Amino acid sequence: MSGTGDNCLFLALYECRWEQFHNPKDLAISLSIEASELLENFEWKSSPEAVQLKKDQIADELIYAVYLR
C-alpha cells in the first residue's frame, strides 16, 4: 500500500479510536482468526471459484496487518 490509500485508512482507523484497544498479541490473534475465515472461502472450491473473492472479504485482514506494521 502507498500514497493516499494509506492516509485514508489510517485516518479512518484513528477516528474510530481503535488503537486504544490494540496490542501486538491481540492483533496477531485477530489476524490469524480472520485469515482462517478467509481460507474457508477456498475450501472445497476449484481455483477459478476461489479467485472470485470480493475485496471487502479481506478488509479485516488488511486492517490488522496495517496495525501490526
N, C-alpha and C. Protein backbone atom coordinates (compact mmCIF):
# COMPACT_ATOMS: atom_id res chain seq x y z
N MET A 1 0.84 -1.18 0.00
CA MET A 1 0.00 0.00 0.00
C MET A 1 0.88 1.23 0.00
N SER A 2 0.37 2.27 -0.62
CA SER A 2 1.14 3.50 -0.62
C SER A 2 0.24 4.67 -0.96
N GLY A 3 0.71 5.85 -0.60
CA GLY A 3 0.03 7.06 -1.01
C GLY A 3 -1.25 7.34 -0.27
N THR A 4 -2.21 7.91 -1.00
CA THR A 4 -3.46 8.38 -0.43
C THR A 4 -4.26 7.28 0.25
N GLY A 5 -4.21 6.07 -0.29
CA GLY A 5 -4.94 4.96 0.31
C GLY A 5 -4.51 4.71 1.75
N ASP A 6 -3.19 4.76 1.99
CA ASP A 6 -2.68 4.61 3.36
C ASP A 6 -3.25 5.68 4.26
N ASN A 7 -3.19 6.92 3.79
CA ASN A 7 -3.65 8.04 4.61
C ASN A 7 -5.12 7.92 4.95
N CYS A 8 -5.95 7.53 3.99
CA CYS A 8 -7.38 7.38 4.24
C CYS A 8 -7.65 6.27 5.25
N LEU A 9 -6.94 5.15 5.11
CA LEU A 9 -7.13 4.03 6.03
C LEU A 9 -6.73 4.42 7.44
N PHE A 10 -5.57 5.04 7.59
CA PHE A 10 -5.12 5.42 8.92
C PHE A 10 -6.02 6.49 9.54
N LEU A 11 -6.51 7.41 8.73
CA LEU A 11 -7.41 8.44 9.24
C LEU A 11 -8.71 7.80 9.73
N ALA A 12 -9.26 6.88 8.96
CA ALA A 12 -10.50 6.21 9.37
C ALA A 12 -10.29 5.43 10.66
N LEU A 13 -9.18 4.72 10.76
CA LEU A 13 -8.90 3.94 11.97
C LEU A 13 -8.66 4.85 13.17
N TYR A 14 -7.98 5.97 12.94
CA TYR A 14 -7.72 6.92 14.02
C TYR A 14 -9.03 7.51 14.53
N GLU A 15 -9.91 7.87 13.62
CA GLU A 15 -11.18 8.48 14.01
C GLU A 15 -12.04 7.51 14.82
N CYS A 16 -11.90 6.22 14.57
CA CYS A 16 -12.64 5.22 15.34
C CYS A 16 -12.02 4.99 16.71
N ARG A 17 -10.80 5.47 16.90
CA ARG A 17 -10.07 5.33 18.16
C ARG A 17 -9.85 3.87 18.54
N TRP A 18 -9.70 3.01 17.53
CA TRP A 18 -9.49 1.60 17.79
C TRP A 18 -8.12 1.31 18.38
N GLU A 19 -7.15 2.17 18.13
CA GLU A 19 -5.79 1.87 18.57
C GLU A 19 -5.68 1.71 20.08
N GLN A 20 -6.60 2.28 20.82
CA GLN A 20 -6.56 2.15 22.27
C GLN A 20 -6.81 0.71 22.74
N PHE A 21 -7.40 -0.11 21.90
CA PHE A 21 -7.70 -1.49 22.25
C PHE A 21 -6.71 -2.49 21.68
N HIS A 22 -5.77 -2.01 20.87
CA HIS A 22 -4.89 -2.92 20.14
C HIS A 22 -3.51 -3.04 20.75
N ASN A 23 -3.04 -4.25 20.82
CA ASN A 23 -1.67 -4.52 21.22
C ASN A 23 -1.20 -5.65 20.29
N PRO A 24 0.11 -5.85 20.16
CA PRO A 24 0.61 -6.84 19.20
C PRO A 24 0.03 -8.24 19.39
N LYS A 25 -0.13 -8.70 20.62
CA LYS A 25 -0.66 -10.04 20.86
C LYS A 25 -2.08 -10.18 20.33
N ASP A 26 -2.95 -9.25 20.69
CA ASP A 26 -4.34 -9.33 20.27
C ASP A 26 -4.49 -9.13 18.76
N LEU A 27 -3.66 -8.26 18.20
CA LEU A 27 -3.70 -8.06 16.75
C LEU A 27 -3.29 -9.32 16.01
N ALA A 28 -2.25 -9.99 16.49
CA ALA A 28 -1.78 -11.22 15.85
C ALA A 28 -2.85 -12.32 15.94
N ILE A 29 -3.49 -12.42 17.09
CA ILE A 29 -4.56 -13.41 17.26
C ILE A 29 -5.72 -13.10 16.31
N SER A 30 -6.13 -11.84 16.26
CA SER A 30 -7.24 -11.45 15.40
C SER A 30 -6.90 -11.66 13.93
N LEU A 31 -5.68 -11.37 13.55
CA LEU A 31 -5.26 -11.57 12.17
C LEU A 31 -5.31 -13.05 11.80
N SER A 32 -4.89 -13.90 12.71
CA SER A 32 -4.93 -15.34 12.47
C SER A 32 -6.36 -15.84 12.33
N ILE A 33 -7.24 -15.37 13.18
CA ILE A 33 -8.65 -15.77 13.11
C ILE A 33 -9.27 -15.32 11.79
N GLU A 34 -9.02 -14.07 11.41
CA GLU A 34 -9.58 -13.55 10.16
C GLU A 34 -9.01 -14.28 8.95
N ALA A 35 -7.72 -14.63 9.00
CA ALA A 35 -7.10 -15.37 7.90
C ALA A 35 -7.74 -16.75 7.76
N SER A 36 -8.06 -17.37 8.89
CA SER A 36 -8.74 -18.67 8.84
C SER A 36 -10.11 -18.55 8.21
N GLU A 37 -10.81 -17.48 8.53
CA GLU A 37 -12.12 -17.26 7.93
C GLU A 37 -11.99 -17.05 6.42
N LEU A 38 -10.93 -16.38 6.00
CA LEU A 38 -10.68 -16.18 4.57
C LEU A 38 -10.40 -17.52 3.89
N LEU A 39 -9.66 -18.38 4.55
CA LEU A 39 -9.35 -19.69 3.98
C LEU A 39 -10.60 -20.54 3.75
N GLU A 40 -11.62 -20.33 4.56
CA GLU A 40 -12.86 -21.07 4.38
C GLU A 40 -13.46 -20.83 2.99
N ASN A 41 -13.19 -19.67 2.42
CA ASN A 41 -13.69 -19.36 1.08
C ASN A 41 -13.05 -20.25 0.02
N PHE A 42 -11.88 -20.79 0.30
CA PHE A 42 -11.16 -21.62 -0.65
C PHE A 42 -11.46 -23.11 -0.47
N GLU A 43 -11.98 -23.48 0.68
CA GLU A 43 -12.20 -24.88 0.99
C GLU A 43 -13.21 -25.50 0.03
N TRP A 44 -12.83 -26.61 -0.56
CA TRP A 44 -13.67 -27.40 -1.44
C TRP A 44 -14.09 -26.68 -2.71
N LYS A 45 -13.32 -25.69 -3.12
CA LYS A 45 -13.62 -24.98 -4.36
C LYS A 45 -12.48 -25.11 -5.33
N SER A 46 -12.78 -25.03 -6.59
CA SER A 46 -11.73 -25.03 -7.61
C SER A 46 -11.06 -23.66 -7.63
N SER A 47 -9.92 -23.57 -8.24
CA SER A 47 -9.19 -22.31 -8.31
C SER A 47 -10.01 -21.18 -8.91
N PRO A 48 -10.70 -21.39 -10.04
CA PRO A 48 -11.49 -20.29 -10.60
C PRO A 48 -12.57 -19.77 -9.65
N GLU A 49 -13.20 -20.68 -8.91
CA GLU A 49 -14.22 -20.25 -7.96
C GLU A 49 -13.60 -19.44 -6.82
N ALA A 50 -12.48 -19.90 -6.33
CA ALA A 50 -11.83 -19.26 -5.19
C ALA A 50 -11.29 -17.88 -5.54
N VAL A 51 -10.91 -17.67 -6.78
CA VAL A 51 -10.32 -16.40 -7.19
C VAL A 51 -11.35 -15.28 -7.19
N GLN A 52 -12.61 -15.61 -7.20
CA GLN A 52 -13.65 -14.59 -7.28
C GLN A 52 -14.00 -13.97 -5.93
N LEU A 53 -13.04 -13.90 -5.03
CA LEU A 53 -13.29 -13.28 -3.72
C LEU A 53 -13.48 -11.77 -3.89
N LYS A 54 -14.33 -11.21 -3.08
CA LYS A 54 -14.53 -9.77 -3.10
C LYS A 54 -13.50 -9.09 -2.22
N LYS A 55 -13.15 -7.88 -2.58
CA LYS A 55 -12.14 -7.14 -1.83
C LYS A 55 -12.56 -6.92 -0.37
N ASP A 56 -13.83 -6.74 -0.12
CA ASP A 56 -14.27 -6.49 1.25
C ASP A 56 -14.08 -7.69 2.16
N GLN A 57 -13.89 -8.86 1.58
CA GLN A 57 -13.67 -10.06 2.40
C GLN A 57 -12.27 -10.07 3.01
N ILE A 58 -11.36 -9.28 2.50
CA ILE A 58 -10.01 -9.25 3.07
C ILE A 58 -9.73 -7.94 3.81
N ALA A 59 -10.75 -7.12 3.98
CA ALA A 59 -10.56 -5.82 4.65
C ALA A 59 -10.07 -5.98 6.09
N ASP A 60 -10.66 -6.89 6.83
CA ASP A 60 -10.26 -7.08 8.23
C ASP A 60 -8.80 -7.51 8.33
N GLU A 61 -8.39 -8.44 7.46
CA GLU A 61 -7.00 -8.89 7.49
C GLU A 61 -6.06 -7.73 7.20
N LEU A 62 -6.43 -6.91 6.25
CA LEU A 62 -5.60 -5.77 5.88
C LEU A 62 -5.47 -4.79 7.04
N ILE A 63 -6.58 -4.51 7.69
CA ILE A 63 -6.56 -3.56 8.81
C ILE A 63 -5.67 -4.07 9.95
N TYR A 64 -5.83 -5.34 10.32
CA TYR A 64 -5.00 -5.89 11.39
C TYR A 64 -3.52 -5.88 11.00
N ALA A 65 -3.23 -6.22 9.75
CA ALA A 65 -1.83 -6.23 9.29
C ALA A 65 -1.25 -4.82 9.30
N VAL A 66 -2.04 -3.84 8.94
CA VAL A 66 -1.55 -2.45 8.94
C VAL A 66 -1.24 -2.01 10.37
N TYR A 67 -2.10 -2.36 11.30
CA TYR A 67 -1.86 -2.01 12.70
C TYR A 67 -0.60 -2.67 13.24
N LEU A 68 -0.27 -3.86 12.75
CA LEU A 68 0.92 -4.57 13.23
C LEU A 68 2.22 -4.02 12.66
N ARG A 69 2.15 -3.26 11.60
CA ARG A 69 3.39 -2.80 10.97
C ARG A 69 4.16 -1.84 11.80
